[in-house]
C-alpha atoms as a PDB file:
ATOM      1  CA  UNK A   1    -174.753 -46.794  99.201  1.00  0.00           C
ATOM      2  CA  UNK A   2    -177.373 -47.369  96.555  1.00  0.00           C
ATOM      3  CA  UNK A   3    -179.284 -44.466  95.068  1.00  0.00           C
ATOM      4  CA  UNK A   4    -183.062 -44.292  94.929  1.00  0.00           C
ATOM      5  CA  UNK A   5    -184.737 -43.045  91.762  1.00  0.00           C
ATOM      6  CA  UNK A   6    -188.128 -41.741  92.877  1.00  0.00           C
ATOM      7  CA  UNK A   7    -190.250 -40.609  95.794  1.00  0.00           C
ATOM      8  CA  UNK A   8    -192.371 -43.716  95.220  1.00  0.00           C
ATOM      9  CA  UNK A   9    -189.300 -45.893  95.764  1.00  0.00           C
ATOM     10  CA  UNK A  10    -188.515 -43.990  98.980  1.00  0.00           C
ATOM     11  CA  UNK A  11    -192.095 -44.431 100.207  1.00  0.00           C
ATOM     12  CA  UNK A  12    -191.984 -48.135  99.430  1.00  0.00           C
ATOM     13  CA  UNK A  13    -188.737 -48.538 101.393  1.00  0.00           C
ATOM     14  CA  UNK A  14    -190.130 -46.660 104.385  1.00  0.00           C
ATOM     15  CA  UNK A  15    -193.406 -48.579 104.409  1.00  0.00           C
ATOM     16  CA  UNK A  16    -191.992 -52.073 103.930  1.00  0.00           C
ATOM     17  CA  UNK A  17    -188.869 -52.032 106.140  1.00  0.00           C
ATOM     18  CA  UNK A  18    -188.416 -51.564 109.866  1.00  0.00           C
ATOM     19  CA  UNK A  19    -185.271 -49.404 109.715  1.00  0.00           C
ATOM     20  CA  UNK A  20    -184.554 -47.050 106.795  1.00  0.00           C
ATOM     21  CA  UNK A  21    -181.826 -44.417 106.746  1.00  0.00           C
ATOM     22  CA  UNK A  22    -181.928 -41.836 103.927  1.00  0.00           C
ATOM     23  CA  UNK A  23    -178.902 -39.734 103.011  1.00  0.00           C
ATOM     24  CA  UNK A  24    -180.002 -36.600 101.123  1.00  0.00           C
ATOM     25  CA  UNK A  25    -177.302 -34.853  99.141  1.00  0.00           C
ATOM     26  CA  UNK A  26    -176.164 -33.703  95.705  1.00  0.00           C
ATOM     27  CA  UNK A  27    -173.270 -34.745  93.497  1.00  0.00           C
ATOM     28  CA  UNK A  28    -171.582 -31.345  93.971  1.00  0.00           C
ATOM     29  CA  UNK A  29    -171.597 -31.218  97.784  1.00  0.00           C
ATOM     30  CA  UNK A  30    -167.997 -31.623  98.948  1.00  0.00           C
ATOM     31  CA  UNK A  31    -168.937 -31.936 102.638  1.00  0.00           C
ATOM     32  CA  UNK A  32    -171.443 -34.639 101.702  1.00  0.00           C
ATOM     33  CA  UNK A  33    -168.798 -36.613  99.832  1.00  0.00           C
ATOM     34  CA  UNK A  34    -166.560 -36.662 102.920  1.00  0.00           C
ATOM     35  CA  UNK A  35    -169.392 -37.573 105.285  1.00  0.00           C
ATOM     36  CA  UNK A  36    -171.029 -40.253 103.125  1.00  0.00           C
ATOM     37  CA  UNK A  37    -168.428 -43.049 103.601  1.00  0.00           C
ATOM     38  CA  UNK A  38    -168.324 -42.367 107.355  1.00  0.00           C
ATOM     39  CA  UNK A  39    -172.092 -42.744 107.610  1.00  0.00           C
ATOM     40  CA  UNK A  40    -172.024 -45.866 105.433  1.00  0.00           C
ATOM     41  CA  UNK A  41    -169.415 -47.444 107.690  1.00  0.00           C
ATOM     42  CA  UNK A  42    -171.277 -46.478 110.866  1.00  0.00           C
ATOM     43  CA  UNK A  43    -174.577 -47.945 109.621  1.00  0.00           C
ATOM     44  CA  UNK A  44    -172.869 -51.327 109.164  1.00  0.00           C
ATOM     45  CA  UNK A  45    -172.972 -51.617 112.978  1.00  0.00           C
ATOM     46  CA  UNK A  46    -176.764 -51.888 112.752  1.00  0.00           C
ATOM     47  CA  UNK A  47    -177.809 -55.074 110.927  1.00  0.00           C
ATOM     48  CA  UNK A  48    -181.123 -54.690 109.185  1.00  0.00           C
ATOM     49  CA  UNK A  49    -180.835 -50.936 108.648  1.00  0.00           C
ATOM     50  CA  UNK A  50    -181.301 -50.089 104.989  1.00  0.00           C
ATOM     51  CA  UNK A  51    -179.377 -46.998 103.911  1.00  0.00           C
ATOM     52  CA  UNK A  52    -180.086 -45.239 100.622  1.00  0.00           C
ATOM     53  CA  UNK A  53    -178.763 -42.153  98.871  1.00  0.00           C
ATOM     54  CA  UNK A  54    -181.207 -39.508  97.618  1.00  0.00           C
ATOM     55  CA  UNK A  55    -179.866 -36.973  95.100  1.00  0.00           C
ATOM     56  CA  UNK A  56    -182.200 -34.024  95.607  1.00  0.00           C
ATOM     57  CA  UNK A  57    -181.206 -32.538  92.260  1.00  0.00           C
ATOM     58  CA  UNK A  58    -182.517 -35.662  90.492  1.00  0.00           C
ATOM     59  CA  UNK A  59    -185.566 -36.129  92.744  1.00  0.00           C
ATOM     60  CA  UNK A  60    -186.551 -32.527  93.450  1.00  0.00           C
ATOM     61  CA  UNK A  61    -189.973 -33.443  94.853  1.00  0.00           C
ATOM     62  CA  UNK A  62    -188.189 -35.237  97.717  1.00  0.00           C
ATOM     63  CA  UNK A  63    -187.044 -31.851  99.060  1.00  0.00           C
ATOM     64  CA  UNK A  64    -190.599 -30.721  99.745  1.00  0.00           C
ATOM     65  CA  UNK A  65    -191.997 -34.085 100.768  1.00  0.00           C
ATOM     66  CA  UNK A  66    -189.312 -34.679 103.409  1.00  0.00           C
ATOM     67  CA  UNK A  67    -188.623 -31.011 104.288  1.00  0.00           C
ATOM     68  CA  UNK A  68    -184.991 -31.097 103.199  1.00  0.00           C
ATOM     69  CA  UNK A  69    -183.784 -27.496 103.142  1.00  0.00           C
ATOM     70  CA  UNK A  70    -180.052 -28.057 103.485  1.00  0.00           C
ATOM     71  CA  UNK A  71    -177.570 -30.778 102.665  1.00  0.00           C
ATOM     72  CA  UNK A  72    -176.408 -33.141 103.830  1.00  0.00           C
ATOM     73  CA  UNK A  73    -179.547 -34.317 105.604  1.00  0.00           C
ATOM     74  CA  UNK A  74    -179.962 -37.750 107.162  1.00  0.00           C
ATOM     75  CA  UNK A  75    -183.380 -39.116 108.056  1.00  0.00           C
ATOM     76  CA  UNK A  76    -183.975 -42.320 109.985  1.00  0.00           C
ATOM     77  CA  UNK A  77    -187.363 -43.975 109.712  1.00  0.00           C
ATOM     78  CA  UNK A  78    -188.483 -46.735 112.039  1.00  0.00           C
ATOM     79  CA  UNK A  79    -191.649 -48.633 111.195  1.00  0.00           C
ATOM     80  CA  UNK A  80    -192.667 -45.895 108.764  1.00  0.00           C
ATOM     81  CA  UNK A  81    -192.177 -42.959 111.133  1.00  0.00           C
ATOM     82  CA  UNK A  82    -189.341 -40.418 111.167  1.00  0.00           C
ATOM     83  CA  UNK A  83    -187.333 -40.638 114.400  1.00  0.00           C
ATOM     84  CA  UNK A  84    -184.000 -39.028 113.580  1.00  0.00           C
ATOM     85  CA  UNK A  85    -183.233 -35.924 111.529  1.00  0.00           C
ATOM     86  CA  UNK A  86    -179.712 -34.567 111.240  1.00  0.00           C
ATOM     87  CA  UNK A  87    -178.721 -31.802 108.846  1.00  0.00           C
ATOM     88  CA  UNK A  88    -175.822 -29.626 107.751  1.00  0.00           C
ATOM     89  CA  UNK A  89    -173.227 -30.083 110.520  1.00  0.00           C
ATOM     90  CA  UNK A  90    -173.613 -33.754 111.321  1.00  0.00           C
ATOM     91  CA  UNK A  91    -171.644 -35.475 114.041  1.00  0.00           C
ATOM     92  CA  UNK A  92    -171.280 -39.149 113.160  1.00  0.00           C
ATOM     93  CA  UNK A  93    -170.762 -39.957 116.840  1.00  0.00           C
ATOM     94  CA  UNK A  94    -173.994 -38.225 117.905  1.00  0.00           C
ATOM     95  CA  UNK A  95    -175.885 -39.844 115.047  1.00  0.00           C
ATOM     96  CA  UNK A  96    -174.499 -43.224 116.070  1.00  0.00           C
ATOM     97  CA  UNK A  97    -175.649 -42.716 119.689  1.00  0.00           C
ATOM     98  CA  UNK A  98    -179.165 -41.786 118.581  1.00  0.00           C
ATOM     99  CA  UNK A  99    -179.363 -44.723 116.196  1.00  0.00           C
ATOM    100  CA  UNK A 100    -178.073 -47.094 118.872  1.00  0.00           C
ATOM    101  CA  UNK A 101    -180.769 -45.951 121.298  1.00  0.00           C
ATOM    102  CA  UNK A 102    -183.658 -46.389 118.846  1.00  0.00           C
ATOM    103  CA  UNK A 103    -182.232 -49.507 117.242  1.00  0.00           C
ATOM    104  CA  UNK A 104    -181.996 -51.305 120.581  1.00  0.00           C
ATOM    105  CA  UNK A 105    -185.406 -50.099 121.669  1.00  0.00           C
ATOM    106  CA  UNK A 106    -187.158 -51.373 118.543  1.00  0.00           C
ATOM    107  CA  UNK A 107    -185.149 -54.568 118.257  1.00  0.00           C
ATOM    108  CA  UNK A 108    -186.330 -55.608 121.728  1.00  0.00           C
ATOM    109  CA  UNK A 109    -190.003 -55.577 120.698  1.00  0.00           C
END
């Protein structure tokens, strides 16, 4: 999972891609480190979904801009709009179901 370096880069991703998944975390979050590879693997089931890592200690302004108050937080943007928000206790299976629903809906257009 590649890391983004600025809010401007995040905005550019969201505005120029149909499906963008953002994984907000920090380097010190042990739960995040366990969850991250599971989310990365799950997202591979959805071709065209761009997933990026956001270290909120490096890009502090992202916390306020995207209302990230706890970690890990996963946001899914579709056509520039936030559709999925999962935080703290994240079930990969539930996230996968939600992504599947939206992914199929927007891929049929």
